[in-house]
Amino acid sequence: MPSYRQNTNSAAALDIASESDVLFSNTAALNVILSSTAEKGDVNEFDSVWLLFDSLGIAKNSDSYSFAFEVIGKSFGKRNALAKDMLLSRAESLVEKIETDSIPLTVQMSKEYIELLCQLEETDLAAQLLIKLKTNSPESICSKAIFRVAFTQARLGNIVLSQQIQALSPSALKVYLKSS
């Protein structure tokens, strides 16, 4: 199965795709292009592909939303701090759309969203979300997300909260965090 993370030029892929309806025939095909634009943090190009889903009547899936969180996070690094509120608002809109459309939460989606919250310095929200997910949907979180939130909280001096987050993790992660 080909990976979404193929080394492609997304603009070139869009040009080729516009010449062929076959490339726009399903969600997976559009996700390949979304992945490429997310990898680059190119919000404008991402938005062009995102709009194609609706115009072609193709449903977005969990991977589509994971890539959306990823592009928002990567674009934050390319923008100034003034963009934070705009990007956070965009992420919140995505969460609302995911809930409205009953898109199933995946590990990748929760990891990208939690990473985005940490990048936007919304660490308390990330911690609250992680705790809520552990209670309501434990299969949707991964050690990397737990580590990111625990490490960020410890770095900010929130040792008690960091320890609470660490308690959500497998024992191997706890040992690593205690030794660092």
C-alpha atoms as a PDB file:
ATOM      1  CA  MET A   1       0.000   0.000   0.000  1.00  0.00           C
ATOM      2  CA  PRO A   2       1.543   3.358  -0.959  1.00  0.00           C
ATOM      3  CA  SER A   3       2.202   5.832   1.819  1.00  0.00           C
ATOM      4  CA  TYR A   4       0.542   9.228   1.920  1.00  0.00           C
ATOM      5  CA  ARG A   5       4.028  10.604   2.556  1.00  0.00           C
ATOM      6  CA  GLN A   6       5.352  10.208  -0.940  1.00  0.00           C
ATOM      7  CA  ASN A   7       7.912  12.781  -1.958  1.00  0.00           C
ATOM      8  CA  THR A   8       5.755  14.720  -4.398  1.00  0.00           C
ATOM      9  CA  ASN A   9       5.374  18.307  -5.389  1.00  0.00           C
ATOM     10  CA  SER A  10       1.783  18.981  -4.425  1.00  0.00           C
ATOM     11  CA  ALA A  11       1.337  21.812  -6.956  1.00  0.00           C
ATOM     12  CA  ALA A  12       2.471  19.471  -9.726  1.00  0.00           C
ATOM     13  CA  ALA A  13       0.166  16.786  -8.370  1.00  0.00           C
ATOM     14  CA  LEU A  14      -2.754  19.228  -8.506  1.00  0.00           C
ATOM     15  CA  ASP A  15      -1.928  20.127 -12.113  1.00  0.00           C
ATOM     16  CA  ILE A  16      -1.774  16.466 -13.110  1.00  0.00           C
ATOM     17  CA  ALA A  17      -4.923  15.684 -11.137  1.00  0.00           C
ATOM     18  CA  SER A  18      -6.864  18.472 -12.798  1.00  0.00           C
ATOM     19  CA  GLU A  19      -6.237  16.734 -16.118  1.00  0.00           C
ATOM     20  CA  SER A  20      -7.619  13.436 -14.866  1.00  0.00           C
ATOM     21  CA  ASP A  21     -10.887  12.756 -13.058  1.00  0.00           C
ATOM     22  CA  VAL A  22      -9.462   9.386 -12.032  1.00  0.00           C
ATOM     23  CA  LEU A  23      -7.079  10.976  -9.525  1.00  0.00           C
ATOM     24  CA  PHE A  24      -9.978  12.740  -7.838  1.00  0.00           C
ATOM     25  CA  SER A  25     -12.130   9.655  -7.619  1.00  0.00           C
ATOM     26  CA  ASN A  26     -11.780   8.933  -3.914  1.00  0.00           C
ATOM     27  CA  THR A  27     -10.747  10.172  -0.500  1.00  0.00           C
ATOM     28  CA  ALA A  28      -7.431   8.312  -0.466  1.00  0.00           C
ATOM     29  CA  ALA A  29      -6.337   9.950  -3.712  1.00  0.00           C
ATOM     30  CA  LEU A  30      -7.026  13.444  -2.396  1.00  0.00           C
ATOM     31  CA  ASN A  31      -5.409  12.568   0.928  1.00  0.00           C
ATOM     32  CA  VAL A  32      -2.139  11.908  -0.879  1.00  0.00           C
ATOM     33  CA  ILE A  33      -2.123  15.516  -2.025  1.00  0.00           C
ATOM     34  CA  LEU A  34      -3.333  16.791   1.371  1.00  0.00           C
ATOM     35  CA  SER A  35      -0.452  14.950   3.018  1.00  0.00           C
ATOM     36  CA  SER A  36       2.076  16.596   0.754  1.00  0.00           C
ATOM     37  CA  THR A  37       0.763  20.090   1.446  1.00  0.00           C
ATOM     38  CA  ALA A  38       0.509  19.379   5.187  1.00  0.00           C
ATOM     39  CA  GLU A  39       4.103  18.165   5.236  1.00  0.00           C
ATOM     40  CA  LYS A  40       5.187  21.532   3.812  1.00  0.00           C
ATOM     41  CA  GLY A  41       2.889  23.545   6.071  1.00  0.00           C
ATOM     42  CA  ASP A  42       1.392  25.228   3.009  1.00  0.00           C
ATOM     43  CA  VAL A  43      -2.050  26.342   4.210  1.00  0.00           C
ATOM     44  CA  ASN A  44      -3.112  28.008   0.948  1.00  0.00           C
ATOM     45  CA  GLU A  45      -2.325  24.968  -1.151  1.00  0.00           C
ATOM     46  CA  PHE A  46      -3.907  22.726   1.484  1.00  0.00           C
ATOM     47  CA  ASP A  47      -7.098  24.803   1.400  1.00  0.00           C
ATOM     48  CA  SER A  48      -7.298  24.403  -2.384  1.00  0.00           C
ATOM     49  CA  VAL A  49      -7.274  20.630  -2.046  1.00  0.00           C
ATOM     50  CA  TRP A  50      -9.595  20.712   0.990  1.00  0.00           C
ATOM     51  CA  LEU A  51     -12.206  22.567  -1.055  1.00  0.00           C
ATOM     52  CA  LEU A  52     -11.980  19.934  -3.800  1.00  0.00           C
ATOM     53  CA  PHE A  53     -13.469  17.361  -1.448  1.00  0.00           C
ATOM     54  CA  ASP A  54     -16.679  19.367  -1.160  1.00  0.00           C
ATOM     55  CA  SER A  55     -16.837  20.461  -4.777  1.00  0.00           C
ATOM     56  CA  LEU A  56     -16.430  16.859  -5.950  1.00  0.00           C
ATOM     57  CA  GLY A  57     -18.767  15.434  -3.299  1.00  0.00           C
ATOM     58  CA  ILE A  58     -16.029  13.302  -1.748  1.00  0.00           C
ATOM     59  CA  ALA A  59     -16.199  12.695   2.005  1.00  0.00           C
ATOM     60  CA  LYS A  60     -13.250  13.553   4.196  1.00  0.00           C
ATOM     61  CA  ASN A  61     -12.047  10.871   6.602  1.00  0.00           C
ATOM     62  CA  SER A  62      -9.948  10.717   9.768  1.00  0.00           C
ATOM     63  CA  ASP A  63      -6.718  10.972   7.769  1.00  0.00           C
ATOM     64  CA  SER A  64      -7.985  14.134   6.062  1.00  0.00           C
ATOM     65  CA  TYR A  65      -8.571  15.763   9.435  1.00  0.00           C
ATOM     66  CA  SER A  66      -5.199  14.560  10.762  1.00  0.00           C
ATOM     67  CA  PHE A  67      -3.522  16.303   7.841  1.00  0.00           C
ATOM     68  CA  ALA A  68      -5.568  19.437   8.563  1.00  0.00           C
ATOM     69  CA  PHE A  69      -4.294  19.576  12.158  1.00  0.00           C
ATOM     70  CA  GLU A  70      -0.769  18.929  10.885  1.00  0.00           C
ATOM     71  CA  VAL A  71      -0.816  21.778   8.356  1.00  0.00           C
ATOM     72  CA  ILE A  72      -2.149  24.203  10.963  1.00  0.00           C
ATOM     73  CA  GLY A  73       0.654  23.261  13.344  1.00  0.00           C
ATOM     74  CA  LYS A  74       3.382  23.476  10.740  1.00  0.00           C
ATOM     75  CA  SER A  75       2.096  26.784   9.431  1.00  0.00           C
ATOM     76  CA  PHE A  76       2.276  28.223  12.965  1.00  0.00           C
ATOM     77  CA  GLY A  77       6.047  27.920  12.872  1.00  0.00           C
ATOM     78  CA  LYS A  78       6.067  29.979   9.674  1.00  0.00           C
ATOM     79  CA  ARG A  79       3.875  32.750  11.054  1.00  0.00           C
ATOM     80  CA  ASN A  80       4.193  35.207  13.868  1.00  0.00           C
ATOM     81  CA  ALA A  81       2.511  34.869  17.235  1.00  0.00           C
ATOM     82  CA  LEU A  82      -0.400  37.030  16.059  1.00  0.00           C
ATOM     83  CA  ALA A  83      -1.595  34.089  13.991  1.00  0.00           C
ATOM     84  CA  LYS A  84      -2.093  31.928  17.087  1.00  0.00           C
ATOM     85  CA  ASP A  85      -5.718  32.928  17.717  1.00  0.00           C
ATOM     86  CA  MET A  86      -6.620  32.461  14.056  1.00  0.00           C
ATOM     87  CA  LEU A  87      -5.004  29.011  13.929  1.00  0.00           C
ATOM     88  CA  LEU A  88      -6.599  27.950  17.219  1.00  0.00           C
ATOM     89  CA  SER A  89      -9.986  29.072  15.921  1.00  0.00           C
ATOM     90  CA  ARG A  90      -9.428  27.068  12.748  1.00  0.00           C
ATOM     91  CA  ALA A  91      -8.541  23.973  14.777  1.00  0.00           C
ATOM     92  CA  GLU A  92     -11.657  24.406  16.928  1.00  0.00           C
ATOM     93  CA  SER A  93     -13.758  24.617  13.749  1.00  0.00           C
ATOM     94  CA  LEU A  94     -12.228  21.341  12.594  1.00  0.00           C
ATOM     95  CA  VAL A  95     -13.102  19.685  15.909  1.00  0.00           C
ATOM     96  CA  GLU A  96     -16.701  20.882  15.582  1.00  0.00           C
ATOM     97  CA  LYS A  97     -16.888  19.542  12.001  1.00  0.00           C
ATOM     98  CA  ILE A  98     -15.438  16.188  13.098  1.00  0.00           C
ATOM     99  CA  GLU A  99     -18.118  15.924  15.790  1.00  0.00           C
ATOM    100  CA  THR A 100     -20.909  17.074  13.449  1.00  0.00           C
ATOM    101  CA  ASP A 101     -19.910  14.586  10.739  1.00  0.00           C
ATOM    102  CA  SER A 102     -19.330  11.765  13.262  1.00  0.00           C
ATOM    103  CA  ILE A 103     -15.800  11.169  11.989  1.00  0.00           C
ATOM    104  CA  PRO A 104     -14.234   8.429  14.127  1.00  0.00           C
ATOM    105  CA  LEU A 105     -11.345   9.591  16.282  1.00  0.00           C
ATOM    106  CA  THR A 106      -8.066   7.884  15.420  1.00  0.00           C
ATOM    107  CA  VAL A 107      -4.711   7.765  17.159  1.00  0.00           C
ATOM    108  CA  GLN A 108      -3.157   9.851  14.368  1.00  0.00           C
ATOM    109  CA  MET A 109      -5.885  12.482  14.567  1.00  0.00           C
ATOM    110  CA  SER A 110      -5.635  12.861  18.344  1.00  0.00           C
ATOM    111  CA  LYS A 111      -1.815  12.941  18.173  1.00  0.00           C
ATOM    112  CA  GLU A 112      -1.823  15.722  15.551  1.00  0.00           C
ATOM    113  CA  TYR A 113      -4.407  17.754  17.459  1.00  0.00           C
ATOM    114  CA  ILE A 114      -2.570  17.411  20.775  1.00  0.00           C
ATOM    115  CA  GLU A 115       0.723  18.317  19.069  1.00  0.00           C
ATOM    116  CA  LEU A 116      -0.965  21.371  17.560  1.00  0.00           C
ATOM    117  CA  LEU A 117      -2.285  22.461  20.954  1.00  0.00           C
ATOM    118  CA  CYS A 118       1.221  22.178  22.414  1.00  0.00           C
ATOM    119  CA  GLN A 119       2.708  24.177  19.523  1.00  0.00           C
ATOM    120  CA  LEU A 120       0.111  26.886  20.083  1.00  0.00           C
ATOM    121  CA  GLU A 121       1.064  26.856  23.783  1.00  0.00           C
ATOM    122  CA  GLU A 122      -2.385  25.613  24.783  1.00  0.00           C
ATOM    123  CA  THR A 123      -0.765  23.097  27.104  1.00  0.00           C
ATOM    124  CA  ASP A 124      -3.501  23.039  29.739  1.00  0.00           C
ATOM    125  CA  LEU A 125      -6.094  22.322  27.051  1.00  0.00           C
ATOM    126  CA  ALA A 126      -3.846  19.581  25.646  1.00  0.00           C
ATOM    127  CA  ALA A 127      -3.531  18.030  29.122  1.00  0.00           C
ATOM    128  CA  GLN A 128      -7.283  18.203  29.740  1.00  0.00           C
ATOM    129  CA  LEU A 129      -7.963  16.611  26.359  1.00  0.00           C
ATOM    130  CA  LEU A 130      -5.467  13.829  26.982  1.00  0.00           C
ATOM    131  CA  ILE A 131      -7.017  13.023  30.364  1.00  0.00           C
ATOM    132  CA  LYS A 132     -10.507  13.055  28.837  1.00  0.00           C
ATOM    133  CA  LEU A 133      -9.423  10.795  25.967  1.00  0.00           C
ATOM    134  CA  LYS A 134      -7.781   8.343  28.351  1.00  0.00           C
ATOM    135  CA  THR A 135     -11.111   8.053  30.179  1.00  0.00           C
ATOM    136  CA  ASN A 136     -13.508   8.059  27.216  1.00  0.00           C
ATOM    137  CA  SER A 137     -11.454   6.722  24.319  1.00  0.00           C
ATOM    138  CA  PRO A 138      -8.153   5.209  25.524  1.00  0.00           C
ATOM    139  CA  GLU A 139      -7.488   3.508  22.196  1.00  0.00           C
ATOM    140  CA  SER A 140      -7.278   6.914  20.502  1.00  0.00           C
ATOM    141  CA  ILE A 141      -4.139   8.142  22.268  1.00  0.00           C
ATOM    142  CA  CYS A 142      -0.526   7.189  21.757  1.00  0.00           C
ATOM    143  CA  SER A 143       2.609   7.358  23.856  1.00  0.00           C
ATOM    144  CA  LYS A 144       4.029  10.154  21.706  1.00  0.00           C
ATOM    145  CA  ALA A 145       1.104  12.442  22.551  1.00  0.00           C
ATOM    146  CA  ILE A 146       1.385  11.555  26.234  1.00  0.00           C
ATOM    147  CA  PHE A 147       5.122  12.230  26.170  1.00  0.00           C
ATOM    148  CA  ARG A 148       4.685  15.566  24.380  1.00  0.00           C
ATOM    149  CA  VAL A 149       2.149  16.859  26.912  1.00  0.00           C
ATOM    150  CA  ALA A 150       4.014  15.494  29.961  1.00  0.00           C
ATOM    151  CA  PHE A 151       7.322  16.923  28.750  1.00  0.00           C
ATOM    152  CA  THR A 152       5.783  20.302  27.921  1.00  0.00           C
ATOM    153  CA  GLN A 153       4.098  20.500  31.314  1.00  0.00           C
ATOM    154  CA  ALA A 154       7.366  19.584  33.092  1.00  0.00           C
ATOM    155  CA  ARG A 155       9.271  22.177  31.038  1.00  0.00           C
ATOM    156  CA  LEU A 156       6.763  24.810  32.151  1.00  0.00           C
ATOM    157  CA  GLY A 157       7.267  23.802  35.781  1.00  0.00           C
ATOM    158  CA  ASN A 158       3.883  22.089  36.130  1.00  0.00           C
ATOM    159  CA  ILE A 159       5.407  19.017  37.762  1.00  0.00           C
ATOM    160  CA  VAL A 160       2.214  17.716  39.401  1.00  0.00           C
ATOM    161  CA  LEU A 161       0.281  17.882  36.129  1.00  0.00           C
ATOM    162  CA  SER A 162       3.233  16.351  34.272  1.00  0.00           C
ATOM    163  CA  GLN A 163       3.188  13.438  36.716  1.00  0.00           C
ATOM    164  CA  GLN A 164      -0.585  13.022  36.233  1.00  0.00           C
ATOM    165  CA  ILE A 165      -0.038  12.878  32.479  1.00  0.00           C
ATOM    166  CA  GLN A 166       2.844  10.428  32.913  1.00  0.00           C
ATOM    167  CA  ALA A 167       0.494   8.181  34.882  1.00  0.00           C
ATOM    168  CA  LEU A 168      -1.534   7.737  31.685  1.00  0.00           C
ATOM    169  CA  SER A 169       1.432   6.250  29.870  1.00  0.00           C
ATOM    170  CA  PRO A 170       2.917   2.798  29.559  1.00  0.00           C
ATOM    171  CA  SER A 171       5.631   2.032  32.122  1.00  0.00           C
ATOM    172  CA  ALA A 172       8.499   2.375  29.592  1.00  0.00           C
ATOM    173  CA  LEU A 173       7.598   6.003  29.022  1.00  0.00           C
ATOM    174  CA  LYS A 174       7.415   6.667  32.764  1.00  0.00           C
ATOM    175  CA  VAL A 175      10.944   5.300  33.230  1.00  0.00           C
ATOM    176  CA  TYR A 176      12.266   7.525  30.420  1.00  0.00           C
ATOM    177  CA  LEU A 177      10.600  10.655  31.788  1.00  0.00           C
ATOM    178  CA  LYS A 178      11.884  10.001  35.322  1.00  0.00           C
ATOM    179  CA  SER A 179      15.440   9.571  34.067  1.00  0.00           C
ATOM    180  CA  SER A 180      15.518  12.790  32.046  1.00  0.00           C
END
